[in-house]
PDB file of N, CA and C in Angstrom:
ATOM      1  N   MET A   1    -159.042 181.664 122.225  1.00  0.00           N
ATOM      2  CA  MET A   1    -159.086 182.820 123.283  1.00  0.00           C
ATOM      3  C   MET A   1    -159.822 184.310 122.570  1.00  0.00           C
ATOM      4  N   ARG A   2    -160.615 184.534 122.833  1.00  0.00           N
ATOM      5  CA  ARG A   2    -161.160 185.742 122.890  1.00  0.00           C
ATOM      6  C   ARG A   2    -161.303 186.938 123.696  1.00  0.00           C
ATOM      7  N   HIS A   3    -161.011 188.440 123.503  1.00  0.00           N
ATOM      8  CA  HIS A   3    -160.736 189.160 124.341  1.00  0.00           C
ATOM      9  C   HIS A   3    -162.248 189.779 124.382  1.00  0.00           C
ATOM     10  N   ILE A   4    -163.005 189.669 125.699  1.00  0.00           N
ATOM     11  CA  ILE A   4    -164.197 190.507 126.001  1.00  0.00           C
ATOM     12  C   ILE A   4    -164.275 191.695 126.732  1.00  0.00           C
ATOM     13  N   GLN A   5    -164.542 192.324 125.806  1.00  0.00           N
ATOM     14  CA  GLN A   5    -164.189 193.867 125.807  1.00  0.00           C
ATOM     15  C   GLN A   5    -165.359 194.484 126.456  1.00  0.00           C
ATOM     16  N   ASN A   6    -166.933 194.298 126.782  1.00  0.00           N
ATOM     17  CA  ASN A   6    -167.766 194.905 127.370  1.00  0.00           C
ATOM     18  C   ASN A   6    -169.192 194.153 127.528  1.00  0.00           C
ATOM     19  N   VAL A   7    -169.537 194.472 127.931  1.00  0.00           N
ATOM     20  CA  VAL A   7    -170.839 193.565 128.470  1.00  0.00           C
ATOM     21  C   VAL A   7    -171.913 193.391 127.552  1.00  0.00           C
ATOM     22  N   ARG A   8    -171.930 193.631 126.547  1.00  0.00           N
ATOM     23  CA  ARG A   8    -172.428 193.147 125.240  1.00  0.00           C
ATOM     24  C   ARG A   8    -171.925 191.659 124.514  1.00  0.00           C
ATOM     25  N   ALA A   9    -170.482 191.668 124.486  1.00  0.00           N
ATOM     26  CA  ALA A   9    -169.379 190.525 124.192  1.00  0.00           C
ATOM     27  C   ALA A   9    -169.690 189.796 125.045  1.00  0.00           C
ATOM     28  N   LEU A  10    -169.852 190.001 126.706  1.00  0.00           N
ATOM     29  CA  LEU A  10    -169.926 189.124 127.315  1.00  0.00           C
ATOM     30  C   LEU A  10    -171.317 188.414 127.182  1.00  0.00           C
ATOM     31  N   ARG A  11    -172.572 189.091 127.100  1.00  0.00           N
ATOM     32  CA  ARG A  11    -173.633 188.488 126.837  1.00  0.00           C
ATOM     33  C   ARG A  11    -173.659 187.510 125.680  1.00  0.00           C
ATOM     34  N   GLN A  12    -172.859 188.214 124.829  1.00  0.00           N
ATOM     35  CA  GLN A  12    -172.881 187.181 123.579  1.00  0.00           C
ATOM     36  C   GLN A  12    -171.892 186.128 123.803  1.00  0.00           C
ATOM     37  N   ALA A  13    -170.979 186.106 124.206  1.00  0.00           N
ATOM     38  CA  ALA A  13    -170.124 184.584 124.618  1.00  0.00           C
ATOM     39  C   ALA A  13    -171.187 183.418 125.561  1.00  0.00           C
ATOM     40  N   LEU A  14    -172.158 184.297 126.598  1.00  0.00           N
ATOM     41  CA  LEU A  14    -172.805 183.492 126.990  1.00  0.00           C
ATOM     42  C   LEU A  14    -174.027 183.064 126.044  1.00  0.00           C
ATOM     43  N   ALA A  15    -174.568 183.602 125.476  1.00  0.00           N
ATOM     44  CA  ALA A  15    -175.285 183.111 124.726  1.00  0.00           C
ATOM     45  C   ALA A  15    -174.821 182.119 123.889  1.00  0.00           C
ATOM     46  N   ASN A  16    -173.911 181.977 123.451  1.00  0.00           N
ATOM     47  CA  ASN A  16    -172.804 180.972 122.286  1.00  0.00           C
ATOM     48  C   ASN A  16    -172.442 179.466 123.244  1.00  0.00           C
ATOM     49  N   GLY A  17    -173.136 179.724 124.900  1.00  0.00           N
ATOM     50  CA  GLY A  17    -172.373 178.709 125.722  1.00  0.00           C
ATOM     51  C   GLY A  17    -171.351 178.464 126.796  1.00  0.00           C
ATOM     52  N   GLN A  18    -170.180 179.990 126.420  1.00  0.00           N
ATOM     53  CA  GLN A  18    -169.124 179.850 127.216  1.00  0.00           C
ATOM     54  C   GLN A  18    -169.864 180.631 128.712  1.00  0.00           C
ATOM     55  N   ARG A  19    -168.772 179.697 129.447  1.00  0.00           N
ATOM     56  CA  ARG A  19    -169.399 179.812 131.267  1.00  0.00           C
ATOM     57  C   ARG A  19    -167.878 180.245 131.746  1.00  0.00           C
ATOM     58  N   GLU A  20    -166.872 179.978 131.105  1.00  0.00           N
ATOM     59  CA  GLU A  20    -165.368 180.106 132.192  1.00  0.00           C
ATOM     60  C   GLU A  20    -164.859 181.222 131.122  1.00  0.00           C
ATOM     61  N   PHE A  21    -164.285 182.026 131.697  1.00  0.00           N
ATOM     62  CA  PHE A  21    -163.571 183.081 132.238  1.00  0.00           C
ATOM     63  C   PHE A  21    -162.255 183.230 132.244  1.00  0.00           C
ATOM     64  N   LYS A  22    -161.541 183.861 132.005  1.00  0.00           N
ATOM     65  CA  LYS A  22    -160.130 184.341 132.894  1.00  0.00           C
ATOM     66  C   LYS A  22    -160.096 185.701 132.946  1.00  0.00           C
ATOM     67  N   VAL A  23    -159.671 186.531 134.455  1.00  0.00           N
ATOM     68  CA  VAL A  23    -159.247 187.471 134.394  1.00  0.00           C
ATOM     69  C   VAL A  23    -157.600 187.952 134.408  1.00  0.00           C
ATOM     70  N   HIS A  24    -156.664 188.248 133.413  1.00  0.00           N
ATOM     71  CA  HIS A  24    -155.205 188.146 133.551  1.00  0.00           C
ATOM     72  C   HIS A  24    -154.663 188.943 133.939  1.00  0.00           C
ATOM     73  N   LEU A  25    -153.968 189.045 134.887  1.00  0.00           N
ATOM     74  CA  LEU A  25    -153.390 189.768 135.699  1.00  0.00           C
ATOM     75  C   LEU A  25    -151.979 190.361 135.648  1.00  0.00           C
ATOM     76  N   GLY A  26    -151.184 189.136 134.839  1.00  0.00           N
ATOM     77  CA  GLY A  26    -150.230 189.623 134.934  1.00  0.00           C
ATOM     78  C   GLY A  26    -149.073 188.477 134.001  1.00  0.00           C
ATOM     79  N   VAL A  27    -148.472 188.442 133.193  1.00  0.00           N
ATOM     80  CA  VAL A  27    -147.805 187.034 132.547  1.00  0.00           C
ATOM     81  C   VAL A  27    -147.548 185.750 133.392  1.00  0.00           C
ATOM     82  N   GLY A  28    -148.695 184.720 132.732  1.00  0.00           N
ATOM     83  CA  GLY A  28    -148.886 183.663 133.145  1.00  0.00           C
ATOM     84  C   GLY A  28    -149.881 183.652 134.713  1.00  0.00           C
ATOM     85  N   ILE A  29    -150.280 184.837 135.042  1.00  0.00           N
ATOM     86  CA  ILE A  29    -151.014 184.862 136.616  1.00  0.00           C
ATOM     87  C   ILE A  29    -152.478 185.009 136.086  1.00  0.00           C
ATOM     88  N   PHE A  30    -153.583 184.565 136.552  1.00  0.00           N
ATOM     89  CA  PHE A  30    -154.624 184.770 135.771  1.00  0.00           C
ATOM     90  C   PHE A  30    -155.553 184.296 136.923  1.00  0.00           C
ATOM     91  N   TRP A  31    -157.028 184.697 137.479  1.00  0.00           N
ATOM     92  CA  TRP A  31    -158.275 184.452 138.274  1.00  0.00           C
ATOM     93  C   TRP A  31    -159.227 183.686 136.930  1.00  0.00           C
ATOM     94  N   CYS A  32    -159.629 182.707 137.860  1.00  0.00           N
ATOM     95  CA  CYS A  32    -160.946 181.938 136.690  1.00  0.00           C
ATOM     96  C   CYS A  32    -162.668 182.067 137.041  1.00  0.00           C
ATOM     97  N   LYS A  33    -163.330 182.567 136.199  1.00  0.00           N
ATOM     98  CA  LYS A  33    -164.402 182.632 136.878  1.00  0.00           C
ATOM     99  C   LYS A  33    -165.474 182.358 136.158  1.00  0.00           C
ATOM    100  N   SER A  34    -166.771 181.511 136.815  1.00  0.00           N
ATOM    101  CA  SER A  34    -167.860 180.937 135.702  1.00  0.00           C
ATOM    102  C   SER A  34    -168.626 181.894 135.936  1.00  0.00           C
ATOM    103  N   ILE A  35    -169.397 182.075 134.965  1.00  0.00           N
ATOM    104  CA  ILE A  35    -170.340 182.957 134.782  1.00  0.00           C
ATOM    105  C   ILE A  35    -171.371 182.601 134.054  1.00  0.00           C
ATOM    106  N   ASN A  36    -172.798 183.028 134.642  1.00  0.00           N
ATOM    107  CA  ASN A  36    -173.892 182.482 134.340  1.00  0.00           C
ATOM    108  C   ASN A  36    -174.971 183.791 133.837  1.00  0.00           C
ATOM    109  N   LEU A  37    -175.815 183.875 133.317  1.00  0.00           N
ATOM    110  CA  LEU A  37    -176.880 184.762 133.062  1.00  0.00           C
ATOM    111  C   LEU A  37    -178.377 184.371 133.926  1.00  0.00           C
ATOM    112  N   CYS A  38    -178.673 185.291 134.942  1.00  0.00           N
ATOM    113  CA  CYS A  38    -179.802 185.000 135.385  1.00  0.00           C
ATOM    114  C   CYS A  38    -180.739 185.551 134.566  1.00  0.00           C
ATOM    115  N   THR A  39    -182.159 185.019 134.810  1.00  0.00           N
ATOM    116  CA  THR A  39    -183.423 185.039 135.070  1.00  0.00           C
ATOM    117  C   THR A  39    -183.610 186.634 134.411  1.00  0.00           C
ATOM    118  N   ASP A  40    -183.186 187.475 135.282  1.00  0.00           N
ATOM    119  CA  ASP A  40    -183.294 188.703 135.517  1.00  0.00           C
ATOM    120  C   ASP A  40    -182.416 189.793 134.870  1.00  0.00           C
ATOM    121  N   GLY A  41    -181.368 189.042 134.379  1.00  0.00           N
ATOM    122  CA  GLY A  41    -180.444 189.894 133.539  1.00  0.00           C
ATOM    123  C   GLY A  41    -178.974 190.060 134.164  1.00  0.00           C
ATOM    124  N   ARG A  42    -179.353 190.095 135.567  1.00  0.00           N
ATOM    125  CA  ARG A  42    -177.910 189.902 136.565  1.00  0.00           C
ATOM    126  C   ARG A  42    -176.959 189.118 135.704  1.00  0.00           C
ATOM    127  N   PHE A  43    -175.415 188.531 136.316  1.00  0.00           N
ATOM    128  CA  PHE A  43    -174.818 188.334 136.134  1.00  0.00           C
ATOM    129  C   PHE A  43    -174.533 187.303 137.355  1.00  0.00           C
ATOM    130  N   GLN A  44    -174.067 186.235 137.280  1.00  0.00           N
ATOM    131  CA  GLN A  44    -173.852 185.329 138.661  1.00  0.00           C
ATOM    132  C   GLN A  44    -172.362 184.958 138.414  1.00  0.00           C
ATOM    133  N   ILE A  45    -171.361 185.264 139.325  1.00  0.00           N
ATOM    134  CA  ILE A  45    -170.427 184.688 139.248  1.00  0.00           C
ATOM    135  C   ILE A  45    -169.348 184.144 140.138  1.00  0.00           C
ATOM    136  N   LEU A  46    -168.796 182.967 139.596  1.00  0.00           N
ATOM    137  CA  LEU A  46    -168.294 181.891 140.843  1.00  0.00           C
ATOM    138  C   LEU A  46    -167.024 182.613 140.695  1.00  0.00           C
ATOM    139  N   ASN A  47    -166.153 182.900 141.402  1.00  0.00           N
ATOM    140  CA  ASN A  47    -164.598 183.082 141.777  1.00  0.00           C
ATOM    141  C   ASN A  47    -164.036 182.142 141.770  1.00  0.00           C
ATOM    142  N   ARG A  48    -163.407 181.400 140.946  1.00  0.00           N
ATOM    143  CA  ARG A  48    -162.899 179.830 141.493  1.00  0.00           C
ATOM    144  C   ARG A  48    -161.877 179.570 142.070  1.00  0.00           C
ATOM    145  N   ILE A  49    -160.876 181.034 142.695  1.00  0.00           N
ATOM    146  CA  ILE A  49    -159.784 180.975 143.372  1.00  0.00           C
ATOM    147  C   ILE A  49    -160.243 180.629 144.843  1.00  0.00           C
ATOM    148  N   ASP A  50    -161.526 181.051 145.182  1.00  0.00           N
ATOM    149  CA  ASP A  50    -162.068 181.284 146.610  1.00  0.00           C
ATOM    150  C   ASP A  50    -163.181 180.721 146.629  1.00  0.00           C
ATOM    151  N   GLY A  51    -163.892 180.143 145.805  1.00  0.00           N
ATOM    152  CA  GLY A  51    -165.306 179.923 145.930  1.00  0.00           C
ATOM    153  C   GLY A  51    -166.497 180.373 146.078  1.00  0.00           C
ATOM    154  N   SER A  52    -166.504 182.163 146.272  1.00  0.00           N
ATOM    155  CA  SER A  52    -167.074 182.829 146.272  1.00  0.00           C
ATOM    156  C   SER A  52    -168.195 182.942 144.883  1.00  0.00           C
ATOM    157  N   VAL A  53    -169.094 183.969 145.440  1.00  0.00           N
ATOM    158  CA  VAL A  53    -170.297 184.087 144.205  1.00  0.00           C
ATOM    159  C   VAL A  53    -170.755 185.215 144.305  1.00  0.00           C
ATOM    160  N   GLN A  54    -170.673 186.236 143.648  1.00  0.00           N
ATOM    161  CA  GLN A  54    -171.325 187.322 143.375  1.00  0.00           C
ATOM    162  C   GLN A  54    -172.884 187.130 142.239  1.00  0.00           C
ATOM    163  N   THR A  55    -173.318 188.391 143.138  1.00  0.00           N
ATOM    164  CA  THR A  55    -174.775 188.237 141.285  1.00  0.00           C
ATOM    165  C   THR A  55    -174.524 190.059 141.557  1.00  0.00           C
ATOM    166  N   LEU A  56    -174.641 190.310 140.371  1.00  0.00           N
ATOM    167  CA  LEU A  56    -174.319 191.375 139.916  1.00  0.00           C
ATOM    168  C   LEU A  56    -175.012 191.651 138.567  1.00  0.00           C
ATOM    169  N   THR A  57    -175.566 193.186 138.849  1.00  0.00           N
ATOM    170  CA  THR A  57    -176.089 193.730 137.713  1.00  0.00           C
ATOM    171  C   THR A  57    -174.996 194.326 136.498  1.00  0.00           C
ATOM    172  N   ALA A  58    -174.977 194.771 135.199  1.00  0.00           N
ATOM    173  CA  ALA A  58    -174.421 195.041 134.094  1.00  0.00           C
ATOM    174  C   ALA A  58    -173.472 195.834 134.690  1.00  0.00           C
ATOM    175  N   ARG A  59    -174.091 197.267 135.391  1.00  0.00           N
ATOM    176  CA  ARG A  59    -173.163 198.180 135.895  1.00  0.00           C
ATOM    177  C   ARG A  59    -172.275 197.654 136.723  1.00  0.00           C
ATOM    178  N   GLN A  60    -173.070 196.723 137.897  1.00  0.00           N
ATOM    179  CA  GLN A  60    -172.091 197.039 138.819  1.00  0.00           C
ATOM    180  C   GLN A  60    -171.305 195.911 138.395  1.00  0.00           C
ATOM    181  N   LEU A  61    -171.057 194.888 137.390  1.00  0.00           N
ATOM    182  CA  LEU A  61    -170.168 194.293 136.905  1.00  0.00           C
ATOM    183  C   LEU A  61    -168.929 195.027 136.451  1.00  0.00           C
ATOM    184  N   CYS A  62    -169.390 196.172 136.039  1.00  0.00           N
ATOM    185  CA  CYS A  62    -167.946 197.259 135.223  1.00  0.00           C
ATOM    186  C   CYS A  62    -167.364 198.353 136.186  1.00  0.00           C
ATOM    187  N   THR A  63    -168.456 198.407 137.312  1.00  0.00           N
ATOM    188  CA  THR A  63    -168.001 199.627 138.493  1.00  0.00           C
ATOM    189  C   THR A  63    -167.790 198.718 139.962  1.00  0.00           C
ATOM    190  N   HIS A  64    -168.216 197.438 140.055  1.00  0.00           N
ATOM    191  CA  HIS A  64    -168.094 197.139 141.517  1.00  0.00           C
ATOM    192  C   HIS A  64    -167.163 195.604 141.230  1.00  0.00           C
ATOM    193  N   SER A  65    -166.562 195.752 140.248  1.00  0.00           N
ATOM    194  CA  SER A  65    -165.834 194.048 139.980  1.00  0.00           C
ATOM    195  C   SER A  65    -164.580 194.031 138.732  1.00  0.00           C
ATOM    196  N   ILE A  66    -163.927 193.071 139.468  1.00  0.00           N
ATOM    197  CA  ILE A  66    -162.147 193.577 138.953  1.00  0.00           C
ATOM    198  C   ILE A  66    -162.776 193.204 137.279  1.00  0.00           C
ATOM    199  N   ILE A  67    -163.711 192.785 136.781  1.00  0.00           N
ATOM    200  CA  ILE A  67    -163.966 192.148 135.401  1.00  0.00           C
ATOM    201  C   ILE A  67    -164.348 193.314 134.945  1.00  0.00           C
ATOM    202  N   GLY A  68    -164.830 194.643 135.263  1.00  0.00           N
ATOM    203  CA  GLY A  68    -165.360 195.576 134.438  1.00  0.00           C
ATOM    204  C   GLY A  68    -163.570 196.323 134.299  1.00  0.00           C
ATOM    205  N   GLU A  69    -162.980 196.001 135.264  1.00  0.00           N
ATOM    206  CA  GLU A  69    -161.608 197.001 134.648  1.00  0.00           C
ATOM    207  C   GLU A  69    -160.855 196.334 133.807  1.00  0.00           C
ATOM    208  N   ALA A  70    -160.956 194.836 134.038  1.00  0.00           N
ATOM    209  CA  ALA A  70    -160.373 194.127 133.069  1.00  0.00           C
ATOM    210  C   ALA A  70    -160.554 193.851 131.505  1.00  0.00           C
ATOM    211  N   MET A  71    -162.135 194.335 131.556  1.00  0.00           N
ATOM    212  CA  MET A  71    -162.681 194.688 130.087  1.00  0.00           C
ATOM    213  C   MET A  71    -162.135 195.826 129.518  1.00  0.00           C
ATOM    214  N   ARG A  72    -161.898 197.009 130.557  1.00  0.00           N
ATOM    215  CA  ARG A  72    -161.325 197.833 129.985  1.00  0.00           C
ATOM    216  C   ARG A  72    -159.771 197.867 129.174  1.00  0.00           C
ATOM    217  N   LYS A  73    -159.349 197.044 130.191  1.00  0.00           N
ATOM    218  CA  LYS A  73    -157.617 196.187 130.004  1.00  0.00           C
ATOM    219  C   LYS A  73    -157.098 195.640 128.881  1.00  0.00           C
ATOM    220  N   LYS A  74    -158.445 195.545 128.235  1.00  0.00           N
ATOM    221  CA  LYS A  74    -158.338 194.282 127.235  1.00  0.00           C
ATOM    222  C   LYS A  74    -157.405 192.665 128.107  1.00  0.00           C
ATOM    223  N   ALA A  75    -158.117 192.578 129.303  1.00  0.00           N
ATOM    224  CA  ALA A  75    -157.376 191.009 130.097  1.00  0.00           C
ATOM    225  C   ALA A  75    -157.924 190.626 130.123  1.00  0.00           C
ATOM    226  N   PHE A  76    -159.767 190.793 129.991  1.00  0.00           N
ATOM    227  CA  PHE A  76    -160.481 189.587 130.231  1.00  0.00           C
ATOM    228  C   PHE A  76    -160.594 188.634 128.938  1.00  0.00           C
ATOM    229  N   THR A  77    -160.610 187.324 129.045  1.00  0.00           N
ATOM    230  CA  THR A  77    -160.606 186.436 127.638  1.00  0.00           C
ATOM    231  C   THR A  77    -161.808 185.135 128.068  1.00  0.00           C
ATOM    232  N   ASP A  78    -162.668 184.741 127.223  1.00  0.00           N
ATOM    233  CA  ASP A  78    -163.182 183.361 127.347  1.00  0.00           C
ATOM    234  C   ASP A  78    -161.919 182.367 127.646  1.00  0.00           C
ATOM    235  N   GLU A  79    -162.090 181.163 127.928  1.00  0.00           N
ATOM    236  CA  GLU A  79    -161.261 180.119 127.968  1.00  0.00           C
ATOM    237  C   GLU A  79    -161.248 179.771 126.681  1.00  0.00           C
TER     238      GLU A  79
END
């Protein structure tokens, strides 16, 4: 399990074939996310808890998503 701390590290993980990630909310509590990189550079995020899908730019990922907060708190990991 590696901590993903920024968008560059996320892009690298995706380039290495990683698609499944976790946002750690507390001891033993986490949200699972499947992430794919779109051809236009945006991120398509499948929220496993409710099946919803978001497509976000790198900036939106950091500002309009719990993933950005989790990255800053070192609470975003690959599985």
